[in-house]
Amino acid sequence: MTKNKKFTIPESDSPFLSGILSSIEKRRKSLRYNSWSMSLERVVEVYEEGKLEKLEFKIQPSSHNAWLEASLWEDRFITVNCWERTKQNKWDWYHEGNLLPLFEPKSVIEAIENTRNGFKLMGDRSEPNFSSIWGSMLASGLKLV
């Protein structure tokens, strides 16, 4: 991908995803300025019971081999996957859950920006900790102990 690739924002029928798209539109310059490349795709998955719409948002924070990928479903389910592969660092981070009702779409885009900015702060640390950003926003369900 090249840095100057045109970034288009699709439309959505879902109120939640429309809010996400509106927030991306408002933060477009900041998102593009601090990213090497970005892509946003609307995907409709058809099941026997119906269909589900989601957005796939991918950001390359810098020119090296690192990515932030977020899948945002119309039912407020979100997955966030980050990874980096350099000579010094090799790490992966993944989090998923339902967005809690008290958080609005604007909060999701702020969290994505904060996560992207966290790549710059990684330095020589071998393990990322983006849970401080996403842990309070996403309900992950019960975990076995």
Foldseek 3Di string as FASTA:
>chain_A
DALPDDEDQDDDPFPQVNQLSVLCVVCVVVLSVQFRDKYKDWDWAADPVGIWIWIWIKTHRDPAAKIWIWIATSQQKIKIKIFHDDPQEGDIDIDIAGFDPVDGSNLVVVLVVVVSVVVVVCPNPHYDDSCVSCVVGGDPDDDDD
